[in-house]
PDB file of N, CA and C in Angstrom:
ATOM      1  N   MET A   1       0.731 -89.806-159.517  1.00  0.00           N
ATOM      2  CA  MET A   1       1.317 -90.689-160.497  1.00  0.00           C
ATOM      3  C   MET A   1       1.700 -92.003-159.813  1.00  0.00           C
ATOM      4  N   ALA A   2       1.415 -93.109-160.470  1.00  0.00           N
ATOM      5  CA  ALA A   2       1.753 -94.433-159.942  1.00  0.00           C
ATOM      6  C   ALA A   2       3.272 -94.599-159.917  1.00  0.00           C
ATOM      7  N   ILE A   3       3.736 -95.368-158.932  1.00  0.00           N
ATOM      8  CA  ILE A   3       5.161 -95.647-158.803  1.00  0.00           C
ATOM      9  C   ILE A   3       5.369 -97.151-158.608  1.00  0.00           C
ATOM     10  N   THR A   4       6.601 -97.576-158.802  1.00  0.00           N
ATOM     11  CA  THR A   4       6.998 -98.955-158.572  1.00  0.00           C
ATOM     12  C   THR A   4       8.091 -98.971-157.516  1.00  0.00           C
ATOM     13  N   SER A   5       7.913 -99.788-156.494  1.00  0.00           N
ATOM     14  CA  SER A   5       8.950 -99.980-155.483  1.00  0.00           C
ATOM     15  C   SER A   5       9.488-101.393-155.628  1.00  0.00           C
ATOM     16  N   ILE A   6      10.808-101.499-155.597  1.00  0.00           N
ATOM     17  CA  ILE A   6      11.469-102.787-155.774  1.00  0.00           C
ATOM     18  C   ILE A   6      12.248-103.101-154.502  1.00  0.00           C
ATOM     19  N   LEU A   7      11.848-104.169-153.831  1.00  0.00           N
ATOM     20  CA  LEU A   7      12.496-104.598-152.600  1.00  0.00           C
ATOM     21  C   LEU A   7      13.312-105.852-152.897  1.00  0.00           C
ATOM     22  N   ASP A   8      14.625-105.725-152.828  1.00  0.00           N
ATOM     23  CA  ASP A   8      15.552-106.800-153.163  1.00  0.00           C
ATOM     24  C   ASP A   8      16.046-107.431-151.862  1.00  0.00           C
ATOM     25  N   MET A   9      15.720-108.721-151.668  1.00  0.00           N
ATOM     26  CA  MET A   9      16.002-109.399-150.409  1.00  0.00           C
ATOM     27  C   MET A   9      16.870-110.636-150.621  1.00  0.00           C
ATOM     28  N   HIS A  10      17.873-110.768-149.762  1.00  0.00           N
ATOM     29  CA  HIS A  10      18.724-111.958-149.736  1.00  0.00           C
ATOM     30  C   HIS A  10      18.535-112.599-148.368  1.00  0.00           C
ATOM     31  N   PHE A  11      17.970-113.791-148.366  1.00  0.00           N
ATOM     32  CA  PHE A  11      17.709-114.506-147.118  1.00  0.00           C
ATOM     33  C   PHE A  11      18.905-115.363-146.736  1.00  0.00           C
ATOM     34  N   ARG A  12      19.045-115.605-145.457  1.00  0.00           N
ATOM     35  CA  ARG A  12      20.076-116.530-144.991  1.00  0.00           C
ATOM     36  C   ARG A  12      19.777-117.896-145.612  1.00  0.00           C
ATOM     37  N   PRO A  13      20.792-118.614-146.083  1.00  0.00           N
ATOM     38  CA  PRO A  13      20.542-119.910-146.735  1.00  0.00           C
ATOM     39  C   PRO A  13      19.700-120.855-145.882  1.00  0.00           C
ATOM     40  N   GLU A  14      19.941-120.871-144.580  1.00  0.00           N
ATOM     41  CA  GLU A  14      19.174-121.769-143.712  1.00  0.00           C
ATOM     42  C   GLU A  14      17.727-121.315-143.529  1.00  0.00           C
ATOM     43  N   ALA A  15      17.412-120.080-143.948  1.00  0.00           N
ATOM     44  CA  ALA A  15      16.048-119.567-143.832  1.00  0.00           C
ATOM     45  C   ALA A  15      15.288-119.637-145.158  1.00  0.00           C
ATOM     46  N   ALA A  16      15.944-120.093-146.209  1.00  0.00           N
ATOM     47  CA  ALA A  16      15.333-120.091-147.548  1.00  0.00           C
ATOM     48  C   ALA A  16      14.041-120.893-147.618  1.00  0.00           C
ATOM     49  N   ASP A  17      13.929-121.949-146.817  1.00  0.00           N
ATOM     50  CA  ASP A  17      12.715-122.762-146.855  1.00  0.00           C
ATOM     51  C   ASP A  17      11.549-122.103-146.123  1.00  0.00           C
ATOM     52  N   GLU A  18      11.810-121.386-145.036  1.00  0.00           N
ATOM     53  CA  GLU A  18      10.721-120.777-144.274  1.00  0.00           C
ATOM     54  C   GLU A  18      10.374-119.361-144.753  1.00  0.00           C
ATOM     55  N   ALA A  19      11.279-118.720-145.485  1.00  0.00           N
ATOM     56  CA  ALA A  19      11.071-117.342-145.926  1.00  0.00           C
ATOM     57  C   ALA A  19       9.815-117.150-146.792  1.00  0.00           C
ATOM     58  N   PRO A  20       9.554-118.011-147.773  1.00  0.00           N
ATOM     59  CA  PRO A  20       8.378-117.782-148.619  1.00  0.00           C
ATOM     60  C   PRO A  20       7.057-117.727-147.843  1.00  0.00           C
ATOM     61  N   ALA A  21       6.875-118.588-146.854  1.00  0.00           N
ATOM     62  CA  ALA A  21       5.624-118.588-146.089  1.00  0.00           C
ATOM     63  C   ALA A  21       5.485-117.296-145.281  1.00  0.00           C
ATOM     64  N   LEU A  22       6.561-116.865-144.646  1.00  0.00           N
ATOM     65  CA  LEU A  22       6.522-115.613-143.896  1.00  0.00           C
ATOM     66  C   LEU A  22       6.282-114.441-144.837  1.00  0.00           C
ATOM     67  N   LEU A  23       6.994-114.435-145.956  1.00  0.00           N
ATOM     68  CA  LEU A  23       6.851-113.353-146.920  1.00  0.00           C
ATOM     69  C   LEU A  23       5.444-113.296-147.497  1.00  0.00           C
ATOM     70  N   LYS A  24       4.814-114.437-147.733  1.00  0.00           N
ATOM     71  CA  LYS A  24       3.440-114.448-148.261  1.00  0.00           C
ATOM     72  C   LYS A  24       2.498-113.741-147.304  1.00  0.00           C
ATOM     73  N   GLY A  25       2.599-114.034-146.007  1.00  0.00           N
ATOM     74  CA  GLY A  25       1.744-113.367-145.032  1.00  0.00           C
ATOM     75  C   GLY A  25       1.975-111.867-145.003  1.00  0.00           C
ATOM     76  N   ILE A  26       3.230-111.465-145.078  1.00  0.00           N
ATOM     77  CA  ILE A  26       3.568-110.039-145.090  1.00  0.00           C
ATOM     78  C   ILE A  26       2.995-109.377-146.345  1.00  0.00           C
ATOM     79  N   LEU A  27       3.171-110.031-147.481  1.00  0.00           N
ATOM     80  CA  LEU A  27       2.709-109.431-148.739  1.00  0.00           C
ATOM     81  C   LEU A  27       1.190-109.459-148.887  1.00  0.00           C
ATOM     82  N   ASP A  28       0.517-110.372-148.202  1.00  0.00           N
ATOM     83  CA  ASP A  28      -0.950-110.312-148.171  1.00  0.00           C
ATOM     84  C   ASP A  28      -1.384-108.996-147.515  1.00  0.00           C
ATOM     85  N   GLU A  29      -0.695-108.607-146.439  1.00  0.00           N
ATOM     86  CA  GLU A  29      -0.995-107.322-145.785  1.00  0.00           C
ATOM     87  C   GLU A  29      -0.633-106.154-146.700  1.00  0.00           C
ATOM     88  N   THR A  30       0.496-106.278-147.393  1.00  0.00           N
ATOM     89  CA  THR A  30       0.918-105.219-148.314  1.00  0.00           C
ATOM     90  C   THR A  30      -0.127-105.027-149.405  1.00  0.00           C
ATOM     91  N   ARG A  31      -0.575-106.124-149.994  1.00  0.00           N
ATOM     92  CA  ARG A  31      -1.562-106.044-151.081  1.00  0.00           C
ATOM     93  C   ARG A  31      -2.876-105.416-150.615  1.00  0.00           C
ATOM     94  N   ALA A  32      -3.205-105.589-149.332  1.00  0.00           N
ATOM     95  CA  ALA A  32      -4.449-105.037-148.785  1.00  0.00           C
ATOM     96  C   ALA A  32      -4.287-103.590-148.318  1.00  0.00           C
ATOM     97  N   PHE A  33      -3.067-103.080-148.306  1.00  0.00           N
ATOM     98  CA  PHE A  33      -2.820-101.725-147.803  1.00  0.00           C
ATOM     99  C   PHE A  33      -3.368-100.694-148.802  1.00  0.00           C
ATOM    100  N   ASP A  34      -3.934 -99.634-148.259  1.00  0.00           N
ATOM    101  CA  ASP A  34      -4.509 -98.576-149.089  1.00  0.00           C
ATOM    102  C   ASP A  34      -3.493 -98.036-150.090  1.00  0.00           C
ATOM    103  N   GLY A  35      -3.823 -98.108-151.353  1.00  0.00           N
ATOM    104  CA  GLY A  35      -2.971 -97.564-152.403  1.00  0.00           C
ATOM    105  C   GLY A  35      -2.112 -98.591-153.114  1.00  0.00           C
ATOM    106  N   CYS A  36      -2.074 -99.827-152.606  1.00  0.00           N
ATOM    107  CA  CYS A  36      -1.291-100.862-153.278  1.00  0.00           C
ATOM    108  C   CYS A  36      -2.079-101.378-154.484  1.00  0.00           C
ATOM    109  N   LEU A  37      -1.449-101.324-155.640  1.00  0.00           N
ATOM    110  CA  LEU A  37      -2.083-101.795-156.872  1.00  0.00           C
ATOM    111  C   LEU A  37      -1.718-103.244-157.185  1.00  0.00           C
ATOM    112  N   GLY A  38      -0.705-103.761-156.482  1.00  0.00           N
ATOM    113  CA  GLY A  38      -0.308-105.142-156.688  1.00  0.00           C
ATOM    114  C   GLY A  38       1.146-105.367-156.327  1.00  0.00           C
ATOM    115  N   VAL A  39       1.468-106.623-156.072  1.00  0.00           N
ATOM    116  CA  VAL A  39       2.835-107.034-155.750  1.00  0.00           C
ATOM    117  C   VAL A  39       3.130-108.322-156.497  1.00  0.00           C
ATOM    118  N   LYS A  40       4.267-108.335-157.163  1.00  0.00           N
ATOM    119  CA  LYS A  40       4.738-109.546-157.838  1.00  0.00           C
ATOM    120  C   LYS A  40       6.074-109.901-157.206  1.00  0.00           C
ATOM    121  N   VAL A  41       6.292-111.193-156.961  1.00  0.00           N
ATOM    122  CA  VAL A  41       7.562-111.654-156.404  1.00  0.00           C
ATOM    123  C   VAL A  41       8.276-112.474-157.463  1.00  0.00           C
ATOM    124  N   ILE A  42       9.557-112.180-157.623  1.00  0.00           N
ATOM    125  CA  ILE A  42      10.385-112.955-158.540  1.00  0.00           C
ATOM    126  C   ILE A  42      11.560-113.533-157.750  1.00  0.00           C
ATOM    127  N   GLN A  43      12.038-114.691-158.212  1.00  0.00           N
ATOM    128  CA  GLN A  43      13.115-115.397-157.518  1.00  0.00           C
ATOM    129  C   GLN A  43      14.275-115.623-158.474  1.00  0.00           C
ATOM    130  N   ASP A  44      15.462-115.401-157.972  1.00  0.00           N
ATOM    131  CA  ASP A  44      16.681-115.652-158.736  1.00  0.00           C
ATOM    132  C   ASP A  44      16.743-117.146-159.057  1.00  0.00           C
ATOM    133  N   LYS A  45      16.831-117.504-160.314  1.00  0.00           N
ATOM    134  CA  LYS A  45      16.807-118.918-160.694  1.00  0.00           C
ATOM    135  C   LYS A  45      18.040-119.674-160.208  1.00  0.00           C
ATOM    136  N   ASP A  46      19.139-118.953-159.944  1.00  0.00           N
ATOM    137  CA  ASP A  46      20.363-119.603-159.474  1.00  0.00           C
ATOM    138  C   ASP A  46      20.554-119.509-157.968  1.00  0.00           C
ATOM    139  N   ASP A  47      19.710-118.725-157.302  1.00  0.00           N
ATOM    140  CA  ASP A  47      19.847-118.532-155.857  1.00  0.00           C
ATOM    141  C   ASP A  47      18.458-118.433-155.235  1.00  0.00           C
ATOM    142  N   PRO A  48      17.908-119.546-154.732  1.00  0.00           N
ATOM    143  CA  PRO A  48      16.554-119.533-154.185  1.00  0.00           C
ATOM    144  C   PRO A  48      16.387-118.655-152.942  1.00  0.00           C
ATOM    145  N   ALA A  49      17.491-118.214-152.344  1.00  0.00           N
ATOM    146  CA  ALA A  49      17.411-117.333-151.171  1.00  0.00           C
ATOM    147  C   ALA A  49      17.343-115.856-151.572  1.00  0.00           C
ATOM    148  N   HIS A  50      17.317-115.596-152.878  1.00  0.00           N
ATOM    149  CA  HIS A  50      17.266-114.221-153.390  1.00  0.00           C
ATOM    150  C   HIS A  50      15.882-113.968-154.007  1.00  0.00           C
ATOM    151  N   LEU A  51      15.081-113.169-153.313  1.00  0.00           N
ATOM    152  CA  LEU A  51      13.733-112.838-153.779  1.00  0.00           C
ATOM    153  C   LEU A  51      13.610-111.330-153.955  1.00  0.00           C
ATOM    154  N   ILE A  52      12.827-110.936-154.934  1.00  0.00           N
ATOM    155  CA  ILE A  52      12.589-109.518-155.207  1.00  0.00           C
ATOM    156  C   ILE A  52      11.079-109.293-155.266  1.00  0.00           C
ATOM    157  N   ALA A  53      10.605-108.331-154.495  1.00  0.00           N
ATOM    158  CA  ALA A  53       9.188-107.945-154.525  1.00  0.00           C
ATOM    159  C   ALA A  53       9.067-106.673-155.356  1.00  0.00           C
ATOM    160  N   VAL A  54       8.239-106.732-156.385  1.00  0.00           N
ATOM    161  CA  VAL A  54       7.979-105.581-157.252  1.00  0.00           C
ATOM    162  C   VAL A  54       6.579-105.095-156.906  1.00  0.00           C
ATOM    163  N   GLU A  55       6.520-103.938-156.269  1.00  0.00           N
ATOM    164  CA  GLU A  55       5.255-103.396-155.765  1.00  0.00           C
ATOM    165  C   GLU A  55       4.815-102.212-156.626  1.00  0.00           C
ATOM    166  N   GLU A  56       3.539-102.173-156.939  1.00  0.00           N
ATOM    167  CA  GLU A  56       2.963-101.044-157.672  1.00  0.00           C
ATOM    168  C   GLU A  56       2.077-100.262-156.706  1.00  0.00           C
ATOM    169  N   TRP A  57       2.279 -98.937-156.660  1.00  0.00           N
ATOM    170  CA  TRP A  57       1.536 -98.062-155.749  1.00  0.00           C
ATOM    171  C   TRP A  57       0.858 -96.936-156.516  1.00  0.00           C
ATOM    172  N   GLU A  58      -0.302 -96.519-156.008  1.00  0.00           N
ATOM    173  CA  GLU A  58      -1.043 -95.413-156.629  1.00  0.00           C
ATOM    174  C   GLU A  58      -0.222 -94.136-156.674  1.00  0.00           C
ATOM    175  N   SER A  59       0.573 -93.898-155.628  1.00  0.00           N
ATOM    176  CA  SER A  59       1.331 -92.651-155.541  1.00  0.00           C
ATOM    177  C   SER A  59       2.508 -92.812-154.586  1.00  0.00           C
ATOM    178  N   LEU A  60       3.408 -91.868-154.653  1.00  0.00           N
ATOM    179  CA  LEU A  60       4.541 -91.831-153.736  1.00  0.00           C
ATOM    180  C   LEU A  60       4.061 -91.673-152.299  1.00  0.00           C
ATOM    181  N   GLU A  61       2.990 -90.918-152.106  1.00  0.00           N
ATOM    182  CA  GLU A  61       2.439 -90.704-150.767  1.00  0.00           C
ATOM    183  C   GLU A  61       1.886 -92.009-150.183  1.00  0.00           C
ATOM    184  N   LYS A  62       1.189 -92.794-150.991  1.00  0.00           N
ATOM    185  CA  LYS A  62       0.643 -94.078-150.513  1.00  0.00           C
ATOM    186  C   LYS A  62       1.777 -95.038-150.161  1.00  0.00           C
ATOM    187  N   ASP A  63       2.814 -95.067-150.996  1.00  0.00           N
ATOM    188  CA  ASP A  63       3.976 -95.903-150.709  1.00  0.00           C
ATOM    189  C   ASP A  63       4.640 -95.433-149.414  1.00  0.00           C
ATOM    190  N   GLY A  64       4.774 -94.132-149.251  1.00  0.00           N
ATOM    191  CA  GLY A  64       5.381 -93.581-148.041  1.00  0.00           C
ATOM    192  C   GLY A  64       4.598 -93.933-146.788  1.00  0.00           C
ATOM    193  N   ALA A  65       3.275 -93.873-146.872  1.00  0.00           N
ATOM    194  CA  ALA A  65       2.433 -94.236-145.725  1.00  0.00           C
ATOM    195  C   ALA A  65       2.631 -95.706-145.371  1.00  0.00           C
ATOM    196  N   TYR A  66       2.756 -96.540-146.387  1.00  0.00           N
ATOM    197  CA  TYR A  66       3.000 -97.966-146.155  1.00  0.00           C
ATOM    198  C   TYR A  66       4.355 -98.177-145.476  1.00  0.00           C
ATOM    199  N   ARG A  67       5.403 -97.535-145.978  1.00  0.00           N
ATOM    200  CA  ARG A  67       6.744 -97.693-145.397  1.00  0.00           C
ATOM    201  C   ARG A  67       6.758 -97.228-143.942  1.00  0.00           C
ATOM    202  N   GLU A  68       6.046 -96.139-143.660  1.00  0.00           N
ATOM    203  CA  GLU A  68       5.962 -95.636-142.289  1.00  0.00           C
ATOM    204  C   GLU A  68       5.261 -96.657-141.387  1.00  0.00           C
ATOM    205  N   TRP A  69       4.177 -97.237-141.885  1.00  0.00           N
ATOM    206  CA  TRP A  69       3.444 -98.247-141.118  1.00  0.00           C
ATOM    207  C   TRP A  69       4.330 -99.468-140.863  1.00  0.00           C
ATOM    208  N   ARG A  70       5.063 -99.924-141.893  1.00  0.00           N
ATOM    209  CA  ARG A  70       5.937-101.093-141.734  1.00  0.00           C
ATOM    210  C   ARG A  70       7.053-100.824-140.722  1.00  0.00           C
ATOM    211  N   ALA A  71       7.502 -99.598-140.633  1.00  0.00           N
ATOM    212  CA  ALA A  71       8.569 -99.252-139.692  1.00  0.00           C
ATOM    213  C   ALA A  71       8.045 -99.156-138.259  1.00  0.00           C
ATOM    214  N   GLY A  72       6.731 -99.068-138.106  1.00  0.00           N
ATOM    215  CA  GLY A  72       6.130 -98.945-136.778  1.00  0.00           C
ATOM    216  C   GLY A  72       5.232-100.121-136.460  1.00  0.00           C
ATOM    217  N   ASP A  73       3.922 -99.857-136.421  1.00  0.00           N
ATOM    218  CA  ASP A  73       2.937-100.878-136.039  1.00  0.00           C
ATOM    219  C   ASP A  73       2.923-102.096-136.954  1.00  0.00           C
ATOM    220  N   GLY A  74       3.348-101.960-138.196  1.00  0.00           N
ATOM    221  CA  GLY A  74       3.317-103.064-139.154  1.00  0.00           C
ATOM    222  C   GLY A  74       4.622-103.836-139.246  1.00  0.00           C
ATOM    223  N   ALA A  75       5.527-103.617-138.298  1.00  0.00           N
ATOM    224  CA  ALA A  75       6.822-104.309-138.326  1.00  0.00           C
ATOM    225  C   ALA A  75       6.631-105.829-138.285  1.00  0.00           C
ATOM    226  N   THR A  76       7.566-106.538-138.891  1.00  0.00           N
ATOM    227  CA  THR A  76       7.477-108.005-138.987  1.00  0.00           C
ATOM    228  C   THR A  76       8.782-108.644-138.517  1.00  0.00           C
ATOM    229  N   ASP A  77       8.799-109.981-138.527  1.00  0.00           N
ATOM    230  CA  ASP A  77       9.995-110.749-138.195  1.00  0.00           C
ATOM    231  C   ASP A  77      10.900-110.982-139.403  1.00  0.00           C
ATOM    232  N   LEU A  78      10.562-110.399-140.535  1.00  0.00           N
ATOM    233  CA  LEU A  78      11.333-110.629-141.755  1.00  0.00           C
ATOM    234  C   LEU A  78      12.836-110.377-141.567  1.00  0.00           C
ATOM    235  N   PRO A  79      13.249-109.303-140.890  1.00  0.00           N
ATOM    236  CA  PRO A  79      14.694-109.054-140.761  1.00  0.00           C
ATOM    237  C   PRO A  79      15.477-110.203-140.125  1.00  0.00           C
ATOM    238  N   THR A  80      14.831-111.007-139.305  1.00  0.00           N
ATOM    239  CA  THR A  80      15.549-112.118-138.656  1.00  0.00           C
ATOM    240  C   THR A  80      15.940-113.209-139.656  1.00  0.00           C
ATOM    241  N   LEU A  81      15.295-113.224-140.816  1.00  0.00           N
ATOM    242  CA  LEU A  81      15.588-114.244-141.827  1.00  0.00           C
ATOM    243  C   LEU A  81      16.547-113.758-142.914  1.00  0.00           C
ATOM    244  N   LEU A  82      16.832-112.469-142.910  1.00  0.00           N
ATOM    245  CA  LEU A  82      17.642-111.886-143.976  1.00  0.00           C
ATOM    246  C   LEU A  82      19.136-112.026-143.701  1.00  0.00           C
ATOM    247  N   ALA A  83      19.910-112.201-144.770  1.00  0.00           N
ATOM    248  CA  ALA A  83      21.364-112.254-144.667  1.00  0.00           C
ATOM    249  C   ALA A  83      21.943-110.853-144.542  1.00  0.00           C
ATOM    250  N   ALA A  84      21.227-109.857-145.052  1.00  0.00           N
ATOM    251  CA  ALA A  84      21.650-108.456-145.012  1.00  0.00           C
ATOM    252  C   ALA A  84      20.402-107.593-145.152  1.00  0.00           C
ATOM    253  N   ALA A  85      20.565-106.330-144.874  1.00  0.00           N
ATOM    254  CA  ALA A  85      19.434-105.412-145.026  1.00  0.00           C
ATOM    255  C   ALA A  85      18.965-105.415-146.480  1.00  0.00           C
ATOM    256  N   PRO A  86      17.647-105.414-146.694  1.00  0.00           N
ATOM    257  CA  PRO A  86      17.154-105.386-148.073  1.00  0.00           C
ATOM    258  C   PRO A  86      17.430-104.025-148.713  1.00  0.00           C
ATOM    259  N   SER A  87      17.450-104.013-150.015  1.00  0.00           N
ATOM    260  CA  SER A  87      17.605-102.747-150.731  1.00  0.00           C
ATOM    261  C   SER A  87      16.245-102.369-151.315  1.00  0.00           C
ATOM    262  N   LEU A  88      15.904-101.096-151.207  1.00  0.00           N
ATOM    263  CA  LEU A  88      14.627-100.595-151.714  1.00  0.00           C
ATOM    264  C   LEU A  88      14.895 -99.517-152.746  1.00  0.00           C
ATOM    265  N   SER A  89      14.304 -99.679-153.921  1.00  0.00           N
ATOM    266  CA  SER A  89      14.347 -98.657-154.967  1.00  0.00           C
ATOM    267  C   SER A  89      12.920 -98.221-155.242  1.00  0.00           C
ATOM    268  N   VAL A  90      12.689 -96.927-155.214  1.00  0.00           N
ATOM    269  CA  VAL A  90      11.372 -96.374-155.539  1.00  0.00           C
ATOM    270  C   VAL A  90      11.515 -95.701-156.902  1.00  0.00           C
ATOM    271  N   CYS A  91      10.723 -96.154-157.859  1.00  0.00           N
ATOM    272  CA  CYS A  91      10.906 -95.763-159.253  1.00  0.00           C
ATOM    273  C   CYS A  91       9.658 -95.122-159.836  1.00  0.00           C
ATOM    274  N   GLU A  92       9.890 -94.175-160.724  1.00  0.00           N
ATOM    275  CA  GLU A  92       8.798 -93.523-161.460  1.00  0.00           C
ATOM    276  C   GLU A  92       8.871 -93.929-162.920  1.00  0.00           C
ATOM    277  N   PRO A  93       7.726 -94.012-163.580  1.00  0.00           N
ATOM    278  CA  PRO A  93       7.743 -94.368-165.000  1.00  0.00           C
ATOM    279  C   PRO A  93       8.325 -93.231-165.852  1.00  0.00           C
ATOM    280  N   ARG A  94       8.936 -93.604-166.948  1.00  0.00           N
ATOM    281  CA  ARG A  94       9.450 -92.649-167.916  1.00  0.00           C
ATOM    282  C   ARG A  94       8.714 -92.888-169.230  1.00  0.00           C
ATOM    283  N   SER A  95       8.037 -91.882-169.711  1.00  0.00           N
ATOM    284  CA  SER A  95       7.327 -92.031-170.973  1.00  0.00           C
ATOM    285  C   SER A  95       8.128 -91.472-172.145  1.00  0.00           C
ATOM    286  N   ASP A  96       9.260 -90.861-171.856  1.00  0.00           N
ATOM    287  CA  ASP A  96      10.058 -90.240-172.916  1.00  0.00           C
ATOM    288  C   ASP A  96      11.169 -91.134-173.445  1.00  0.00           C
ATOM    289  N   ILE A  97      11.240 -92.347-172.943  1.00  0.00           N
ATOM    290  CA  ILE A  97      12.301 -93.251-173.389  1.00  0.00           C
ATOM    291  C   ILE A  97      11.683 -94.422-174.140  1.00  0.00           C
TER     292      ILE A  97
END
């Protein structure tokens, strides 16, 4: 079953200008990762340092493989630009609501 992962990121104000370029490169790799169905980024209209990546994955297993890769060989410099650790929510669709 397809899942949605939501990565909520708050960048340091002084990093707000450089964050989008770094994030684009990271998300290009994410989009190319096996099982990724797509990634959309949204930005808080009142806080340009607040970005949210909405990722669609074929399955929980594919998302898990991606997270494992990012924690190891796929690690990036993104944490150096963040004001705090990002929050990750992994969500399943509900057809009964």
